[in-house]
Amino acid sequence: MANDLTIHLVDDEESLRRSLTFLLVSAGFAVRAHSSAKAFLELLPLSGQSCLVTDLSMADIDGIELLQRLHRFSMDVPAIVITGQGDVATAVRR
């Protein structure tokens, strides 16, 4: 599957980051993996078509705060937030 989309994967857990990168690359996607939200934010502005997959719980900047910062920078990037410790209240938080 060839396309122009780059998936930016942001997760501070190396094993998960490596596993998801492998899975997405195996499915034909271009992936840029970032070990923190701060590392990802240093790339702004993004070029080309991008989407974001980020962990909810990270040490410095969590996934929700990352989305809020992107919104403040007027960065309209489709995003998926993943977590191993979610609940309903967190899922509906903006």
N, C-alpha and C. Protein backbone atom coordinates (compact mmCIF):
# COMPACT_ATOMS: atom_id res chain seq x y z
N MET A 1 0.85 -1.17 0.00
CA MET A 1 0.00 0.00 0.00
C MET A 1 0.90 1.24 0.00
N ALA A 2 0.92 1.95 -1.07
CA ALA A 2 1.72 3.17 -1.16
C ALA A 2 0.81 4.37 -0.96
N ASN A 3 1.21 5.26 -0.09
CA ASN A 3 0.46 6.50 0.11
C ASN A 3 1.39 7.56 0.66
N ASP A 4 0.89 8.77 0.78
CA ASP A 4 1.69 9.90 1.23
C ASP A 4 1.56 10.15 2.72
N LEU A 5 0.83 9.31 3.42
CA LEU A 5 0.55 9.52 4.83
C LEU A 5 1.72 9.08 5.70
N THR A 6 2.08 9.94 6.65
CA THR A 6 3.06 9.57 7.67
C THR A 6 2.34 9.49 9.01
N ILE A 7 2.49 8.37 9.67
CA ILE A 7 1.93 8.22 11.01
C ILE A 7 3.01 8.59 12.01
N HIS A 8 2.70 9.56 12.86
CA HIS A 8 3.61 9.95 13.95
C HIS A 8 3.15 9.22 15.19
N LEU A 9 4.00 8.34 15.67
CA LEU A 9 3.70 7.52 16.84
C LEU A 9 4.46 8.10 18.04
N VAL A 10 3.71 8.52 19.05
CA VAL A 10 4.31 9.15 20.23
C VAL A 10 3.99 8.29 21.45
N ASP A 11 5.04 7.68 22.01
CA ASP A 11 4.87 6.84 23.19
C ASP A 11 6.20 6.76 23.91
N ASP A 12 6.19 6.94 25.22
CA ASP A 12 7.45 6.92 25.97
C ASP A 12 7.87 5.51 26.37
N GLU A 13 7.06 4.51 26.07
CA GLU A 13 7.42 3.13 26.38
C GLU A 13 8.03 2.49 25.13
N GLU A 14 9.33 2.22 25.19
CA GLU A 14 10.06 1.76 24.01
C GLU A 14 9.50 0.47 23.41
N SER A 15 9.17 -0.50 24.23
CA SER A 15 8.69 -1.79 23.69
C SER A 15 7.38 -1.62 22.92
N LEU A 16 6.48 -0.81 23.43
CA LEU A 16 5.22 -0.56 22.74
C LEU A 16 5.46 0.23 21.45
N ARG A 17 6.32 1.23 21.54
CA ARG A 17 6.66 2.04 20.37
C ARG A 17 7.23 1.16 19.26
N ARG A 18 8.13 0.27 19.61
CA ARG A 18 8.75 -0.62 18.61
C ARG A 18 7.73 -1.59 18.03
N SER A 19 6.87 -2.15 18.87
CA SER A 19 5.85 -3.10 18.40
C SER A 19 4.85 -2.44 17.45
N LEU A 20 4.35 -1.27 17.85
CA LEU A 20 3.39 -0.57 16.99
C LEU A 20 4.03 -0.10 15.69
N THR A 21 5.28 0.34 15.76
CA THR A 21 5.98 0.74 14.54
C THR A 21 6.08 -0.45 13.60
N PHE A 22 6.48 -1.60 14.11
CA PHE A 22 6.59 -2.80 13.29
C PHE A 22 5.25 -3.14 12.65
N LEU A 23 4.18 -3.12 13.43
CA LEU A 23 2.85 -3.45 12.93
C LEU A 23 2.43 -2.49 11.81
N LEU A 24 2.60 -1.20 12.04
CA LEU A 24 2.17 -0.21 11.06
C LEU A 24 3.02 -0.26 9.79
N VAL A 25 4.31 -0.44 9.93
CA VAL A 25 5.19 -0.56 8.76
C VAL A 25 4.83 -1.82 7.98
N SER A 26 4.54 -2.91 8.69
CA SER A 26 4.14 -4.16 8.03
C SER A 26 2.85 -3.98 7.23
N ALA A 27 2.00 -3.06 7.67
CA ALA A 27 0.75 -2.78 6.96
C ALA A 27 0.95 -1.78 5.83
N GLY A 28 2.20 -1.32 5.62
CA GLY A 28 2.50 -0.45 4.50
C GLY A 28 2.53 1.04 4.80
N PHE A 29 2.50 1.41 6.06
CA PHE A 29 2.50 2.82 6.43
C PHE A 29 3.91 3.33 6.69
N ALA A 30 4.13 4.60 6.40
CA ALA A 30 5.36 5.28 6.80
C ALA A 30 5.17 5.73 8.24
N VAL A 31 6.12 5.42 9.10
CA VAL A 31 5.98 5.73 10.53
C VAL A 31 7.21 6.49 11.01
N ARG A 32 6.96 7.53 11.78
CA ARG A 32 8.03 8.22 12.52
C ARG A 32 7.70 8.06 13.98
N ALA A 33 8.57 7.38 14.70
CA ALA A 33 8.34 7.11 16.12
C ALA A 33 9.05 8.16 16.96
N HIS A 34 8.38 8.63 18.00
CA HIS A 34 8.90 9.67 18.89
C HIS A 34 8.79 9.17 20.33
N SER A 35 9.85 9.36 21.10
CA SER A 35 9.88 8.86 22.47
C SER A 35 9.17 9.76 23.47
N SER A 36 8.75 10.93 23.03
CA SER A 36 8.04 11.85 23.93
C SER A 36 7.24 12.86 23.11
N ALA A 37 6.26 13.47 23.76
CA ALA A 37 5.49 14.53 23.11
C ALA A 37 6.41 15.71 22.79
N LYS A 38 7.33 15.99 23.68
CA LYS A 38 8.26 17.10 23.47
C LYS A 38 9.08 16.88 22.19
N ALA A 39 9.57 15.66 21.98
CA ALA A 39 10.33 15.34 20.76
C ALA A 39 9.47 15.53 19.52
N PHE A 40 8.22 15.13 19.60
CA PHE A 40 7.30 15.32 18.48
C PHE A 40 7.05 16.80 18.21
N LEU A 41 6.79 17.57 19.26
CA LEU A 41 6.49 19.00 19.10
C LEU A 41 7.65 19.77 18.48
N GLU A 42 8.87 19.29 18.68
CA GLU A 42 10.04 19.96 18.11
C GLU A 42 10.04 19.89 16.58
N LEU A 43 9.26 18.99 16.00
CA LEU A 43 9.19 18.84 14.54
C LEU A 43 8.26 19.83 13.86
N LEU A 44 7.39 20.46 14.64
CA LEU A 44 6.38 21.33 14.04
C LEU A 44 7.01 22.49 13.30
N PRO A 45 6.43 22.89 12.20
CA PRO A 45 5.21 22.36 11.58
C PRO A 45 5.52 21.09 10.80
N LEU A 46 4.49 20.24 10.67
CA LEU A 46 4.63 18.99 9.93
C LEU A 46 4.47 19.26 8.44
N SER A 47 5.12 18.45 7.64
CA SER A 47 4.94 18.57 6.19
C SER A 47 4.23 17.33 5.68
N GLY A 48 3.45 17.49 4.63
CA GLY A 48 2.74 16.37 4.04
C GLY A 48 1.56 15.93 4.88
N GLN A 49 0.92 14.85 4.44
CA GLN A 49 -0.22 14.30 5.17
C GLN A 49 0.29 13.53 6.38
N SER A 50 -0.28 13.84 7.52
CA SER A 50 0.15 13.20 8.76
C SER A 50 -1.04 12.84 9.62
N CYS A 51 -0.84 11.85 10.46
CA CYS A 51 -1.78 11.57 11.53
C CYS A 51 -0.95 11.20 12.75
N LEU A 52 -1.59 11.23 13.89
CA LEU A 52 -0.91 11.05 15.16
C LEU A 52 -1.53 9.88 15.91
N VAL A 53 -0.68 9.01 16.44
CA VAL A 53 -1.10 7.98 17.39
C VAL A 53 -0.27 8.25 18.64
N THR A 54 -0.93 8.54 19.74
CA THR A 54 -0.21 8.90 20.96
C THR A 54 -0.76 8.17 22.18
N ASP A 55 0.12 7.93 23.11
CA ASP A 55 -0.29 7.33 24.37
C ASP A 55 -0.92 8.39 25.25
N LEU A 56 -1.90 8.00 26.03
CA LEU A 56 -2.54 8.93 26.97
C LEU A 56 -1.59 9.27 28.11
N SER A 57 -0.95 8.26 28.69
CA SER A 57 -0.13 8.45 29.89
C SER A 57 1.35 8.47 29.53
N MET A 58 1.92 9.65 29.57
CA MET A 58 3.36 9.81 29.35
C MET A 58 3.91 10.72 30.43
N ALA A 59 5.20 10.65 30.65
CA ALA A 59 5.83 11.33 31.78
C ALA A 59 5.68 12.85 31.77
N ASP A 60 6.14 13.51 30.75
CA ASP A 60 6.15 14.98 30.76
C ASP A 60 4.85 15.60 30.26
N ILE A 61 4.50 15.30 29.05
CA ILE A 61 3.29 15.84 28.43
C ILE A 61 2.43 14.65 28.05
N ASP A 62 1.22 14.55 28.61
CA ASP A 62 0.38 13.40 28.27
C ASP A 62 -0.32 13.61 26.93
N GLY A 63 -0.99 12.57 26.46
CA GLY A 63 -1.62 12.61 25.15
C GLY A 63 -2.67 13.69 25.00
N ILE A 64 -3.45 13.94 26.03
CA ILE A 64 -4.48 14.99 25.98
C ILE A 64 -3.82 16.37 25.90
N GLU A 65 -2.81 16.60 26.70
CA GLU A 65 -2.09 17.87 26.66
C GLU A 65 -1.43 18.07 25.29
N LEU A 66 -0.92 17.00 24.71
CA LEU A 66 -0.33 17.09 23.37
C LEU A 66 -1.38 17.56 22.37
N LEU A 67 -2.57 16.98 22.41
CA LEU A 67 -3.64 17.40 21.51
C LEU A 67 -4.03 18.86 21.75
N GLN A 68 -4.07 19.27 23.01
CA GLN A 68 -4.41 20.66 23.33
C GLN A 68 -3.35 21.62 22.77
N ARG A 69 -2.10 21.25 22.88
CA ARG A 69 -1.03 22.10 22.33
C ARG A 69 -1.12 22.18 20.81
N LEU A 70 -1.41 21.07 20.17
CA LEU A 70 -1.56 21.09 18.71
C LEU A 70 -2.72 22.01 18.32
N HIS A 71 -3.80 21.95 19.08
CA HIS A 71 -4.95 22.83 18.82
C HIS A 71 -4.55 24.31 18.98
N ARG A 72 -3.78 24.62 20.02
CA ARG A 72 -3.33 26.01 20.23
C ARG A 72 -2.44 26.49 19.09
N PHE A 73 -1.68 25.57 18.48
CA PHE A 73 -0.82 25.90 17.34
C PHE A 73 -1.58 25.85 16.01
N SER A 74 -2.91 25.65 16.09
CA SER A 74 -3.76 25.52 14.89
C SER A 74 -3.31 24.39 13.99
N MET A 75 -2.83 23.32 14.59
CA MET A 75 -2.41 22.13 13.85
C MET A 75 -3.58 21.15 13.83
N ASP A 76 -4.16 20.97 12.68
CA ASP A 76 -5.30 20.08 12.53
C ASP A 76 -4.80 18.72 12.06
N VAL A 77 -4.42 17.87 13.02
CA VAL A 77 -3.87 16.56 12.72
C VAL A 77 -4.83 15.50 13.26
N PRO A 78 -5.31 14.60 12.39
CA PRO A 78 -6.14 13.51 12.91
C PRO A 78 -5.35 12.72 13.95
N ALA A 79 -6.01 12.33 15.04
CA ALA A 79 -5.28 11.68 16.13
C ALA A 79 -6.06 10.53 16.73
N ILE A 80 -5.30 9.55 17.18
CA ILE A 80 -5.82 8.42 17.94
C ILE A 80 -5.04 8.39 19.25
N VAL A 81 -5.75 8.37 20.36
CA VAL A 81 -5.12 8.29 21.68
C VAL A 81 -5.33 6.88 22.21
N ILE A 82 -4.22 6.24 22.58
CA ILE A 82 -4.28 4.87 23.11
C ILE A 82 -3.87 4.88 24.58
N THR A 83 -4.36 3.90 25.31
CA THR A 83 -3.97 3.79 26.72
C THR A 83 -4.25 2.39 27.24
N GLY A 84 -3.51 2.03 28.24
CA GLY A 84 -3.75 0.79 28.94
C GLY A 84 -4.49 1.01 30.25
N GLN A 85 -4.72 2.28 30.63
CA GLN A 85 -5.36 2.60 31.91
C GLN A 85 -6.49 3.60 31.75
N GLY A 86 -7.31 3.45 30.74
CA GLY A 86 -8.36 4.42 30.49
C GLY A 86 -9.63 4.18 31.27
N ASP A 87 -10.47 5.21 31.31
CA ASP A 87 -11.79 5.13 31.88
C ASP A 87 -12.71 6.03 31.08
N VAL A 88 -14.00 5.97 31.33
CA VAL A 88 -14.97 6.73 30.56
C VAL A 88 -14.74 8.23 30.69
N ALA A 89 -14.50 8.70 31.90
CA ALA A 89 -14.30 10.14 32.12
C ALA A 89 -13.11 10.67 31.32
N THR A 90 -12.06 9.92 31.26
CA THR A 90 -10.88 10.32 30.49
C THR A 90 -11.19 10.28 28.99
N ALA A 91 -11.94 9.31 28.56
CA ALA A 91 -12.26 9.16 27.14
C ALA A 91 -13.07 10.33 26.59
N VAL A 92 -13.89 10.97 27.40
CA VAL A 92 -14.69 12.07 26.91
C VAL A 92 -14.08 13.44 27.21
N ARG A 93 -12.97 13.47 27.92
CA ARG A 93 -12.28 14.72 28.24
C ARG A 93 -11.73 15.34 26.98
N ARG A 94 -11.81 16.65 26.85
CA ARG A 94 -11.27 17.36 25.68
C ARG A 94 -10.02 18.08 26.05
